[in-house]
Structures are given as structure tokens and as C-alpha cells.
Amino acid sequence: MIRFAHIADVHLGYRQYGSEERAIDFAQAFMRAIKTALESKVDFILIAGDIFHRKSEMDPLTLTQAIKVLEKVKKAGVPVFAVEGNHDSAYFKETFSWLDYLAQQRLLVNLKPRFEDGIVVEEWDGKSGAYADLDCVRIYGMKYYGSMTERVLEMYSKKMRRMKNGLNIFMAHAGIEGYVKIHGCVPSTKFHRLNVDYVALGHVHRSFVEGKIHNPGSLEVCDVSELGFDRGFFLVDWDGELKAELIRVPTRDFVVVTHEVRKESDMNELKEKLSIKAKEPVVYINLKCSRSMRKFLDEEVVKSYASHLSPLLVKVRWEVTDDSFRPLTSDISKESIELKILAQLLENYDYGRIEEEVVKLKNAFSTSFDMKRVDEFIDSLLFDGFLGKSTGSGGRETDREDGKGRSKNKDMNDEENKEDKKEIEYSKAGKTKTERKEAHAEYEEEVWDWRKAYDTGGKARKR
């Protein structure tokens, strides 16, 4: 019987959320997977891409993590076969990757074809090659090719030769369409057609099995969106038939809480949701609230609600809705909806509750061109509504011009009183006639200052 471990997407060196502790978590998950595989007496180990998280700017700590773990495997006499993932591959026109470096140190076998007037699939010679034989096992390897994956796979498959009476494996860093929407995915039929017994994939961070196609998923959580994914590594037995078991690796806890805050008392319910058991977790708090409520919520106070968990870190994600227009139920009349919307719009001004009058004015203009009706309405609005008194038609002037509902005499008197007051003020101040004229111009030149509109309640300011 042959037993092997199939690992993928280790992502060493990933300082998730800028945390050094998270980088250690990824290394620890790799160590645990390798230790479990060795304790299970595997004959060899497959790593289907993305050993590292960053293909460039390798730091000494990350490289040391990889070397220390792989040295344990080498000391146990277990060979490691790997392919380059999109996070491992060398940049365009560069031929030497970090997996090539590890291969030079005899810590693993880095399988990949080369191209010379077409694809070349050669046996591993200690330095390079696309496949390797181990007793009664043949392992083919193909690195990540992105959008070229399907085309390279078709060329590659034509050069493959099956080992008779043995286990034939094809390993690649590529995704299968339909499981997740990421770059570099191909139809599963392309892999099913390969004349092999086991297809070992990496790239998709969730575990799945489709016939002979196996994808273990990442060892650690690389993104909060992956929390629902099953993951680990496969421990595979072959004695003429395949039996693969997904081994889950212990990782750091993640706590995700989603909560809607409509009033301050709702924060007590958030505390209850966080009353769970977890050991130094990464905490995600998704809060949904209105823009006005957001002003009253302190993010540091929200984070403190998880302090009893001794979290590694707390991330707060705000989903702020614009409450300028509040949602209305469908059974409310059109008139009520219109009044509510107008009331919300007029809250930013000092006009008071005049939404009903605005609707009446709109209706007067839209349903009739009877200017007498419009005049009567404006008179009632100005004098009865805003001035708070009703003098009757005999108590005010009704001489109008162009249908405007305001008395000429009142307008004239108001203006004359304003001018007289200004003249008295300027005379007391000893201003000359020219200075008075300039002051008049300054007084008249009032504009809407849009930069200060919200600060001044929409009032005009002197330029």
C-alpha cells in the first residue's frame, strides 16, 4: 500500500491584517500538517503550490520557516514534490524562483515543464524536470499558468506517459470552474480526461473532491470570506483503489458577529452576541446603522465589547445607510409619502413645519391656472400662517402686481424702514456719502456660501 499527503496553499509569510502573530499562525499550520503526515508514516508529500505568500521581497524569517519544516521531512527520509503557485512563480522573464532555491538545497523536487519549440516534459534529473518516478509511483507537475492554463494543459497531456502497474498522479496549481470565481480556473473535464489515477490541485482555498480530482484547500484562513470553507490536507491511501481523508489542521479561532443598531440600547444585544468562548481569536464585528446613529457610536468602545475574549485583534466593519430618506411601508398613501419626504428635506432649513403648505401650493399650480386661487392661498400662507394672525380682507392692502401675494405698500414700507435705519447707523459712525454707498453695496451683495451651508443652516453670508 502507498500512503501520501496532499497539501496546498500554505502561504508562509502572510502577515494578515499587518499582524506578525498571524504570520506565525500560517507557519504553525504548515508545521502541524507536516508533523501529522510524518506521524501517519507517509511515503511522500505533495505540495500543490503557494508555499509562500509573496513571490518577491522574501524575508529571512519566512524563508527560515520553510527550511526548518522541510528539513524535518528530509531528516525523516520522506521526499517532497511541489509545483509553483501564482504566489511562488518567478516574475516574467525571470527563471529562478524560491522553490528553485529550495530544490537546490535538496529540500524538495520542483516539477515543471520547459518550453523549447513546444512543451518539453522530461524526467527530473536532480535539477529540473516535469515528472519524477518513485518506486511504483509517477508524479507529473505543472506550475501556475493563469489564463494560459487550459492551453498548456492540452499540450502537456499529449506528452504524458502512464506508468504501468503503478500509481499515476498529476499535480497542478489551477482551479476548477464552478467552485469559486478566481483567475486561472478551467473546466473539470480537462482534468478528468488525463490518463492518471489522482489529480492533486491547489489554488482554490476550499476543499472539494470531484471524481479523481482532489483539492484540499488552504491550511489557514486567508480571508474572512473563507470562514465557511472546509479545509486541511488529504491523507491518501492507494492499494489499487484510492481512499482520501481530509485532515483538518487546528488553527486560530475567528469570531464574526453581524448586528444592526437602530438605537443605543441595541448595543446591549451586541454584547450578548459576543458572549461566546474563543481563545485569542480574530474578531470581526459587522455593524449596520444609519448615518445619524453612527455619530454616537465610538469604534473603540465597540472593540472593547470583545475584550473578555483576549482577541488577537478586532476588526469593525461599518455598513452605514443614508437616512435622508427613511424607508416607508407600501400601504401608506401617496400624499402621506410626499409629506414625509418633504418634512425630511425641510429639516435642514429654518422654515418650520410647512410641508402641507408646500403640497397645497404645488397642487394649486399643477391643477389650475386660476391666479386668484393662487393669490388667496399665498395671502393665507404669509399672513395667517407665518405671521400668526388673520386680519381679513379689509385689514390689509390687496393691491398686487403680476399676481404676487404681498402688498406693495408693505414691501415699500419695509424697505424704507430698513434704509432709514441704515442711514442713521452710518451717520452716527461718521461715514461719508461715498462710504455709505460702498456700505450699501456690501450690504446688498449677499450670496449663498456653499462651503458653509451646513454650518450656517443654509443662510446667506456676506462675501
Protein backbone atom coordinates (compact mmCIF):
# COMPACT_ATOMS: atom_id res chain seq x y z
CA MET A 1 0.00 0.00 0.00
CA ILE A 2 1.13 3.55 -0.79
CA ARG A 3 0.30 6.45 1.51
CA PHE A 4 0.94 10.10 0.78
CA ALA A 5 -0.10 13.56 1.96
CA HIS A 6 -1.53 16.19 -0.39
CA ILE A 7 -1.07 19.78 0.89
CA ALA A 8 -1.70 23.10 -0.88
CA ASP A 9 -1.85 26.86 -0.30
CA VAL A 10 0.37 27.19 2.76
CA HIS A 11 1.01 30.95 2.27
CA LEU A 12 4.04 31.26 4.52
CA GLY A 13 4.88 34.86 5.38
CA TYR A 14 1.33 36.18 5.17
CA ARG A 15 1.15 38.95 7.77
CA GLN A 16 -2.60 39.10 7.67
CA TYR A 17 -4.00 42.43 8.92
CA GLY A 18 -0.37 43.54 9.38
CA SER A 19 -0.02 41.10 12.27
CA GLU A 20 3.24 39.26 12.94
CA GLU A 21 1.25 36.78 15.03
CA ARG A 22 -0.82 35.83 12.00
CA ALA A 23 2.38 35.11 10.03
CA ILE A 24 3.39 32.75 12.83
CA ASP A 25 -0.08 31.14 12.63
CA PHE A 26 0.48 30.24 8.97
CA ALA A 27 3.88 28.73 9.75
CA GLN A 28 2.40 26.81 12.67
CA ALA A 29 -0.34 25.35 10.45
CA PHE A 30 2.33 24.14 8.00
CA MET A 31 4.31 22.54 10.81
CA ARG A 32 1.22 20.79 12.18
CA ALA A 33 0.28 19.41 8.75
CA ILE A 34 3.80 18.07 8.12
CA LYS A 35 4.07 16.63 11.63
CA THR A 36 0.73 14.82 11.24
CA ALA A 37 1.78 13.49 7.83
CA LEU A 38 5.08 12.12 9.20
CA GLU A 39 3.32 10.55 12.18
CA SER A 40 0.99 8.85 9.68
CA LYS A 41 4.03 7.20 8.02
CA VAL A 42 3.54 8.70 4.56
CA ASP A 43 5.78 7.61 1.69
CA PHE A 44 5.94 11.09 0.12
CA ILE A 45 4.34 14.53 0.34
CA LEU A 46 2.78 16.67 -2.42
CA ILE A 47 2.57 20.48 -2.11
CA ALA A 48 0.36 21.81 -4.91
CA GLY A 49 1.53 25.43 -4.97
CA ASP A 50 1.64 28.63 -2.94
CA ILE A 51 4.10 27.55 -0.28
CA PHE A 52 4.88 31.26 0.09
CA HIS A 53 2.52 34.22 0.10
CA ARG A 54 4.76 36.70 -1.71
CA LYS A 55 6.94 35.79 -4.65
CA SER A 56 9.24 38.76 -4.09
CA GLU A 57 10.79 40.54 -1.12
CA MET A 58 11.35 37.28 0.72
CA ASP A 59 12.28 38.00 4.34
CA PRO A 60 14.70 35.83 6.36
CA LEU A 61 12.04 34.75 8.86
CA THR A 62 9.68 33.36 6.21
CA LEU A 63 12.47 31.54 4.39
CA THR A 64 13.67 30.09 7.71
CA GLN A 65 10.16 28.85 8.49
CA ALA A 66 10.05 26.92 5.20
CA ILE A 67 13.54 25.49 5.62
CA LYS A 68 13.03 24.37 9.23
CA VAL A 69 9.84 22.47 8.38
CA LEU A 70 11.21 20.88 5.21
CA GLU A 71 14.41 19.86 6.99
CA LYS A 72 12.28 17.75 9.36
CA VAL A 73 10.81 15.94 6.36
CA LYS A 74 14.23 15.44 4.81
CA LYS A 75 15.59 14.05 8.07
CA ALA A 76 12.69 11.56 8.14
CA GLY A 77 13.68 10.41 4.64
CA VAL A 78 10.36 11.43 3.06
CA PRO A 79 10.59 13.12 -0.38
CA VAL A 80 8.57 16.27 -1.09
CA PHE A 81 7.27 17.07 -4.60
CA ALA A 82 5.97 20.57 -5.30
CA VAL A 83 4.78 22.90 -8.05
CA GLU A 84 4.85 26.68 -8.14
CA GLY A 85 1.63 28.56 -7.45
CA ASN A 86 0.80 32.09 -8.54
CA HIS A 87 2.33 33.35 -5.27
CA ASP A 88 5.52 31.32 -5.85
CA SER A 89 6.20 31.75 -9.56
CA ALA A 90 9.06 33.94 -10.71
CA TYR A 91 8.20 37.19 -12.43
CA PHE A 92 8.02 37.36 -16.21
CA LYS A 93 11.44 36.82 -17.87
CA GLU A 94 12.85 35.57 -14.56
CA THR A 95 13.56 31.84 -14.43
CA PHE A 96 14.67 31.25 -10.85
CA SER A 97 12.02 31.07 -8.12
CA TRP A 98 12.17 30.47 -4.39
CA LEU A 99 11.03 26.89 -4.99
CA ASP A 100 14.03 26.50 -7.32
CA TYR A 101 16.19 27.66 -4.40
CA LEU A 102 14.62 25.07 -2.08
CA ALA A 103 15.18 22.42 -4.77
CA GLN A 104 18.87 23.36 -4.93
CA GLN A 105 19.03 22.78 -1.18
CA ARG A 106 17.62 19.27 -1.78
CA LEU A 107 14.57 20.08 0.34
CA LEU A 108 12.02 19.38 -2.39
CA VAL A 109 11.56 18.49 -6.07
CA ASN A 110 10.14 21.41 -8.07
CA LEU A 111 8.29 19.91 -11.04
CA LYS A 112 7.51 21.98 -14.13
CA PRO A 113 7.80 21.57 -17.90
CA ARG A 114 10.05 23.70 -20.02
CA PHE A 115 9.41 25.18 -23.45
CA GLU A 116 11.70 24.75 -26.45
CA ASP A 117 9.89 24.68 -29.79
CA GLY A 118 6.88 23.48 -27.84
CA ILE A 119 6.42 21.96 -24.43
CA VAL A 120 9.10 19.61 -23.10
CA VAL A 121 8.09 17.03 -20.49
CA GLU A 122 11.24 15.41 -19.11
CA GLU A 123 12.04 13.34 -16.06
CA TRP A 124 13.54 15.06 -13.03
CA ASP A 125 17.34 14.89 -13.25
CA GLY A 126 18.17 16.38 -9.88
CA LYS A 127 17.94 19.96 -11.12
CA SER A 128 14.86 20.23 -13.33
CA GLY A 129 12.10 18.18 -14.88
CA ALA A 130 8.33 17.83 -15.31
CA TYR A 131 7.85 14.42 -13.71
CA ALA A 132 9.51 12.10 -11.22
CA ASP A 133 9.32 8.36 -10.60
CA LEU A 134 9.33 6.91 -7.09
CA ASP A 135 9.17 3.11 -6.89
CA CYS A 136 5.74 2.33 -8.37
CA VAL A 137 4.57 5.96 -8.46
CA ARG A 138 4.87 8.54 -11.26
CA ILE A 139 4.19 12.20 -10.42
CA TYR A 140 3.68 14.85 -13.11
CA GLY A 141 3.79 18.51 -12.13
CA MET A 142 2.57 21.72 -13.77
CA LYS A 143 3.06 25.20 -12.32
CA TYR A 144 0.54 28.03 -12.43
CA TYR A 145 -0.03 29.49 -15.92
CA GLY A 146 -3.01 31.76 -15.31
CA SER A 147 -5.10 32.36 -18.44
CA MET A 148 -2.78 30.02 -20.37
CA THR A 149 -3.54 27.06 -18.06
CA GLU A 150 -6.05 25.32 -20.33
CA ARG A 151 -3.86 25.61 -23.41
CA VAL A 152 -0.70 24.43 -21.62
CA LEU A 153 -2.65 21.55 -20.07
CA GLU A 154 -3.74 20.33 -23.52
CA MET A 155 -0.15 20.38 -24.79
CA TYR A 156 1.14 18.79 -21.61
CA SER A 157 -1.38 15.90 -21.69
CA LYS A 158 -0.16 14.81 -25.13
CA LYS A 159 3.36 14.26 -23.75
CA MET A 160 2.34 12.26 -20.68
CA ARG A 161 3.06 8.56 -20.48
CA ARG A 162 1.36 6.33 -17.95
CA MET A 163 3.39 4.07 -15.66
CA LYS A 164 2.07 0.53 -15.97
CA ASN A 165 1.01 -1.26 -12.79
CA GLY A 166 1.65 1.85 -10.73
CA LEU A 167 0.02 4.95 -9.26
CA ASN A 168 -0.04 7.89 -11.67
CA ILE A 169 -0.50 11.39 -10.26
CA PHE A 170 -0.88 14.77 -11.95
CA MET A 171 -0.27 17.80 -9.72
CA ALA A 172 -1.05 21.39 -10.73
CA HIS A 173 -1.85 24.78 -9.26
CA ALA A 174 -5.13 25.57 -11.00
CA GLY A 175 -8.76 25.99 -10.07
CA ILE A 176 -11.86 24.22 -11.31
CA GLU A 177 -14.68 26.31 -12.74
CA GLY A 178 -17.81 26.43 -10.62
CA TYR A 179 -16.27 26.29 -7.15
CA VAL A 180 -15.04 29.86 -6.78
CA LYS A 181 -14.67 32.79 -9.14
CA ILE A 182 -10.93 33.33 -9.29
CA HIS A 183 -8.42 33.71 -12.07
CA GLY A 184 -6.84 30.59 -13.58
CA CYS A 185 -9.81 28.21 -13.46
CA VAL A 186 -10.54 25.64 -16.16
CA PRO A 187 -13.38 23.16 -16.83
CA SER A 188 -13.08 19.98 -14.77
CA THR A 189 -13.42 17.86 -17.93
CA LYS A 190 -9.88 18.90 -18.91
CA PHE A 191 -8.53 17.12 -15.81
CA HIS A 192 -10.89 14.16 -15.96
CA ARG A 193 -9.51 13.30 -19.41
CA LEU A 194 -5.97 12.94 -18.09
CA ASN A 195 -4.76 9.33 -18.05
CA VAL A 196 -3.89 9.36 -14.34
CA ASP A 197 -5.33 7.95 -11.12
CA TYR A 198 -5.18 11.05 -8.93
CA VAL A 199 -5.28 14.77 -9.77
CA ALA A 200 -3.74 16.87 -6.97
CA LEU A 201 -4.77 20.52 -7.23
CA GLY A 202 -4.16 23.72 -5.30
CA HIS A 203 -5.25 27.37 -5.77
CA VAL A 204 -8.86 27.19 -4.52
CA HIS A 205 -8.93 27.72 -0.75
CA ARG A 206 -11.80 25.31 -0.08
CA SER A 207 -11.72 21.54 -0.01
CA PHE A 208 -13.57 19.53 -2.66
CA VAL A 209 -13.42 16.16 -4.40
CA GLU A 210 -14.78 15.53 -7.88
CA GLY A 211 -14.02 12.02 -9.01
CA LYS A 212 -10.25 11.67 -9.20
CA ILE A 213 -9.82 15.46 -8.78
CA HIS A 214 -8.83 16.45 -5.22
CA ASN A 215 -8.34 19.94 -3.81
CA PRO A 216 -7.58 20.21 -0.06
CA GLY A 217 -7.99 23.97 0.37
CA SER A 218 -5.69 26.28 2.28
CA LEU A 219 -4.30 25.29 5.68
CA GLU A 220 -5.20 28.65 7.26
CA VAL A 221 -7.92 31.25 6.73
CA CYS A 222 -6.55 33.71 4.18
CA ASP A 223 -9.66 35.91 4.11
CA VAL A 224 -12.73 36.29 6.31
CA SER A 225 -14.90 35.31 3.31
CA GLU A 226 -13.35 31.83 3.51
CA LEU A 227 -14.57 31.07 7.03
CA GLY A 228 -17.32 28.75 5.82
CA PHE A 229 -14.91 26.67 3.73
CA ASP A 230 -13.82 23.18 4.70
CA ARG A 231 -10.02 22.97 4.59
CA GLY A 232 -6.99 20.91 5.59
CA PHE A 233 -4.87 18.34 3.75
CA PHE A 234 -5.59 14.95 2.24
CA LEU A 235 -4.12 11.76 3.65
CA VAL A 236 -4.38 9.31 0.73
CA ASP A 237 -4.03 5.50 0.63
CA TRP A 238 -3.66 3.51 -2.58
CA ASP A 239 -3.66 -0.25 -2.92
CA GLY A 240 -5.18 -0.46 -6.36
CA GLU A 241 -8.00 1.78 -5.17
CA LEU A 242 -7.86 5.30 -3.76
CA LYS A 243 -9.06 6.36 -0.34
CA ALA A 244 -8.60 10.03 0.60
CA GLU A 245 -9.36 11.50 4.02
CA LEU A 246 -9.38 15.24 4.73
CA ILE A 247 -7.33 16.00 7.84
CA ARG A 248 -8.25 19.32 9.46
CA VAL A 249 -5.41 21.31 10.98
CA PRO A 250 -6.09 23.26 14.22
CA THR A 251 -5.97 27.00 13.51
CA ARG A 252 -6.76 30.25 15.31
CA ASP A 253 -10.41 30.97 16.09
CA PHE A 254 -12.33 33.57 14.12
CA VAL A 255 -15.40 35.22 15.66
CA VAL A 256 -17.73 37.02 13.25
CA VAL A 257 -20.75 38.93 14.55
CA THR A 258 -23.23 40.88 12.44
CA HIS A 259 -25.52 43.32 14.21
CA GLU A 260 -27.91 46.13 13.32
CA VAL A 261 -28.05 49.19 15.57
CA ARG A 262 -31.20 51.29 15.43
CA LYS A 263 -30.99 52.75 18.91
CA GLU A 264 -28.29 52.91 21.58
CA SER A 265 -29.88 50.13 23.62
CA ASP A 266 -29.26 47.74 20.73
CA MET A 267 -25.58 47.71 21.76
CA ASN A 268 -26.52 45.51 24.72
CA GLU A 269 -27.60 42.83 22.26
CA LEU A 270 -24.18 43.09 20.59
CA LYS A 271 -22.54 42.35 23.94
CA GLU A 272 -24.72 39.24 24.26
CA LYS A 273 -23.71 38.04 20.80
CA LEU A 274 -20.06 38.33 21.79
CA SER A 275 -20.63 36.30 24.96
CA ILE A 276 -19.03 33.18 23.47
CA LYS A 277 -15.98 31.07 24.17
CA ALA A 278 -12.91 31.52 21.98
CA LYS A 279 -9.18 31.59 22.60
CA GLU A 280 -7.41 34.77 21.47
CA PRO A 281 -9.47 34.96 18.27
CA VAL A 282 -9.55 37.35 15.36
CA VAL A 283 -12.84 39.19 15.90
CA TYR A 284 -14.91 40.67 13.07
CA ILE A 285 -17.81 42.93 14.04
CA ASN A 286 -20.09 43.96 11.18
CA LEU A 287 -22.31 46.85 12.28
CA LYS A 288 -25.21 48.18 10.27
CA CYS A 289 -26.58 51.56 11.29
CA SER A 290 -27.88 54.87 9.96
CA ARG A 291 -25.58 57.81 9.35
CA SER A 292 -27.08 59.73 12.26
CA MET A 293 -26.62 56.77 14.63
CA ARG A 294 -23.01 56.31 13.51
CA LYS A 295 -22.16 59.68 15.07
CA PHE A 296 -23.00 58.34 18.51
CA LEU A 297 -21.04 55.06 18.21
CA ASP A 298 -17.37 55.03 19.22
CA GLU A 299 -15.37 52.34 17.42
CA GLU A 300 -13.00 51.86 20.34
CA VAL A 301 -15.96 51.28 22.66
CA VAL A 302 -17.35 48.72 20.20
CA LYS A 303 -13.99 46.91 20.16
CA SER A 304 -13.95 46.83 23.95
CA TYR A 305 -17.05 44.60 23.93
CA ALA A 306 -14.77 41.74 22.79
CA SER A 307 -12.04 42.38 25.38
CA HIS A 308 -13.12 39.41 27.52
CA LEU A 309 -12.02 37.12 24.63
CA SER A 310 -8.42 38.47 24.78
CA PRO A 311 -8.56 38.81 20.99
CA LEU A 312 -5.51 38.95 18.78
CA LEU A 313 -7.20 41.85 17.01
CA VAL A 314 -10.68 43.27 16.47
CA LYS A 315 -11.86 44.49 13.09
CA VAL A 316 -15.01 46.64 12.88
CA ARG A 317 -16.76 46.96 9.55
CA TRP A 318 -19.38 49.71 9.29
CA GLU A 319 -22.33 49.43 6.95
CA VAL A 320 -23.71 52.94 7.15
CA THR A 321 -27.01 53.68 5.43
CA ASP A 322 -28.10 57.13 4.37
CA ASP A 323 -31.15 58.04 6.43
CA SER A 324 -32.00 61.22 4.47
CA PHE A 325 -34.91 59.24 3.05
CA ARG A 326 -36.33 56.82 5.56
CA PRO A 327 -37.97 53.63 4.23
CA LEU A 328 -41.74 53.79 4.04
CA THR A 329 -44.23 50.96 4.01
CA SER A 330 -46.18 50.27 0.84
CA ASP A 331 -49.60 50.68 2.47
CA ILE A 332 -49.12 54.42 3.09
CA SER A 333 -50.93 56.78 0.72
CA LYS A 334 -49.08 58.75 -1.92
CA GLU A 335 -49.95 62.00 -0.15
CA SER A 336 -48.51 60.78 3.16
CA ILE A 337 -45.32 59.65 1.46
CA GLU A 338 -44.98 63.05 -0.21
CA LEU A 339 -45.48 64.85 3.12
CA LYS A 340 -42.91 62.65 4.89
CA ILE A 341 -40.29 63.19 2.19
CA LEU A 342 -40.83 66.95 2.21
CA ALA A 343 -40.61 67.02 6.00
CA GLN A 344 -37.23 65.23 5.84
CA LEU A 345 -35.91 67.61 3.18
CA LEU A 346 -37.05 70.68 5.10
CA GLU A 347 -35.37 69.56 8.33
CA ASN A 348 -32.16 71.24 7.13
CA TYR A 349 -33.86 74.67 6.93
CA ASP A 350 -35.44 77.07 9.39
CA TYR A 351 -38.85 77.22 7.74
CA GLY A 352 -40.61 75.10 10.31
CA ARG A 353 -43.31 72.52 9.51
CA ILE A 354 -44.58 73.87 6.19
CA GLU A 355 -44.74 70.63 4.19
CA GLU A 356 -48.55 70.76 3.99
CA GLU A 357 -48.47 74.31 2.62
CA VAL A 358 -45.84 73.33 0.02
CA VAL A 359 -48.04 70.47 -1.18
CA LYS A 360 -51.06 72.78 -1.39
CA LEU A 361 -49.05 75.31 -3.40
CA LYS A 362 -47.83 72.62 -5.75
CA ASN A 363 -51.38 71.38 -6.26
CA ALA A 364 -52.64 74.91 -6.87
CA PHE A 365 -50.16 75.43 -9.71
CA SER A 366 -50.41 71.93 -11.18
CA THR A 367 -54.20 71.59 -11.18
CA SER A 368 -55.30 75.12 -12.06
CA PHE A 369 -54.13 78.30 -13.70
CA ASP A 370 -56.60 80.32 -11.65
CA MET A 371 -54.25 83.02 -10.35
CA LYS A 372 -56.94 84.32 -8.00
CA ARG A 373 -56.88 80.97 -6.19
CA VAL A 374 -53.09 81.06 -6.03
CA ASP A 375 -53.14 84.63 -4.66
CA GLU A 376 -55.62 83.72 -1.96
CA PHE A 377 -53.53 80.74 -0.89
CA ILE A 378 -50.28 82.78 -0.69
CA ASP A 379 -52.07 85.50 1.28
CA SER A 380 -53.25 82.94 3.81
CA LEU A 381 -49.78 81.40 3.95
CA LEU A 382 -47.97 84.69 4.53
CA PHE A 383 -50.33 86.44 6.85
CA ASP A 384 -52.41 83.77 8.59
CA GLY A 385 -49.77 81.05 8.65
CA PHE A 386 -46.38 82.74 9.16
CA LEU A 387 -47.50 85.95 10.89
CA GLY A 388 -49.87 84.09 13.18
CA LYS A 389 -52.81 86.46 12.71
CA SER A 390 -55.84 86.88 10.47
CA THR A 391 -56.86 90.44 9.66
CA GLY A 392 -59.42 89.69 6.98
CA SER A 393 -59.58 91.23 3.55
CA GLY A 394 -60.36 94.66 4.99
CA GLY A 395 -57.34 94.69 7.27
CA ARG A 396 -54.60 94.75 4.62
CA GLU A 397 -53.85 96.18 1.23
CA THR A 398 -54.74 93.90 -1.68
CA ASP A 399 -53.13 95.95 -4.46
CA ARG A 400 -50.93 93.36 -6.25
CA GLU A 401 -48.70 93.30 -9.26
CA ASP A 402 -48.07 90.26 -11.51
CA GLY A 403 -50.12 88.03 -9.19
CA LYS A 404 -47.69 88.26 -6.27
CA GLY A 405 -49.39 87.74 -2.93
CA ARG A 406 -47.76 90.60 -0.98
CA SER A 407 -48.93 94.22 -0.65
CA LYS A 408 -46.88 96.84 -2.44
CA ASN A 409 -47.27 99.29 0.44
CA LYS A 410 -45.97 96.78 2.96
CA ASP A 411 -42.93 95.98 0.78
CA MET A 412 -42.22 99.68 0.30
CA ASN A 413 -42.62 100.48 3.98
CA ASP A 414 -40.31 97.64 4.95
CA GLU A 415 -37.62 98.78 2.54
CA GLU A 416 -37.93 102.43 3.60
CA ASN A 417 -37.62 101.49 7.27
CA LYS A 418 -34.51 99.42 6.53
CA GLU A 419 -32.91 102.25 4.56
CA ASP A 420 -33.71 104.81 7.28
CA LYS A 421 -32.16 102.60 9.97
CA LYS A 422 -29.01 102.08 7.91
CA GLU A 423 -28.64 105.81 7.21
CA ILE A 424 -28.93 106.60 10.93
CA GLU A 425 -26.30 103.96 11.77
CA TYR A 426 -23.89 105.25 9.11
CA SER A 427 -24.37 108.91 10.24
CA LYS A 428 -23.63 108.02 13.85
CA ALA A 429 -20.48 106.24 12.68
CA GLY A 430 -19.34 109.39 10.82
CA LYS A 431 -19.31 107.76 7.38
CA THR A 432 -19.13 109.94 4.29
CA LYS A 433 -21.62 109.66 1.44
CA THR A 434 -19.15 107.62 -0.63
CA GLU A 435 -18.50 105.29 2.28
CA ARG A 436 -22.24 104.96 2.79
CA LYS A 437 -22.65 103.99 -0.88
CA GLU A 438 -19.95 101.34 -0.61
CA ALA A 439 -21.53 100.04 2.56
CA HIS A 440 -24.89 99.83 0.81
CA ALA A 441 -23.30 97.78 -1.98
CA GLU A 442 -21.62 95.47 0.54
CA TYR A 443 -24.89 95.02 2.37
CA GLU A 444 -26.78 94.17 -0.80
CA GLU A 445 -24.15 91.68 -2.04
CA GLU A 446 -25.14 88.65 -0.03
CA VAL A 447 -24.52 85.26 -1.61
CA TRP A 448 -25.08 81.61 -0.81
CA ASP A 449 -21.79 80.32 0.56
CA TRP A 450 -22.00 76.61 -0.32
CA ARG A 451 -18.84 75.82 1.66
CA LYS A 452 -20.53 76.93 4.89
CA ALA A 453 -24.08 75.98 4.01
CA TYR A 454 -24.32 73.15 6.50
CA ASP A 455 -22.60 75.17 9.25
CA THR A 456 -24.93 78.15 8.93
CA GLY A 457 -28.16 76.29 8.36
CA GLY A 458 -28.30 77.34 4.70
CA LYS A 459 -28.34 81.07 5.43
CA ALA A 460 -26.75 83.62 3.14
CA ARG A 461 -23.44 85.11 4.23
CA LYS A 462 -21.66 88.32 3.30
CA ARG A 463 -18.93 87.83 0.76
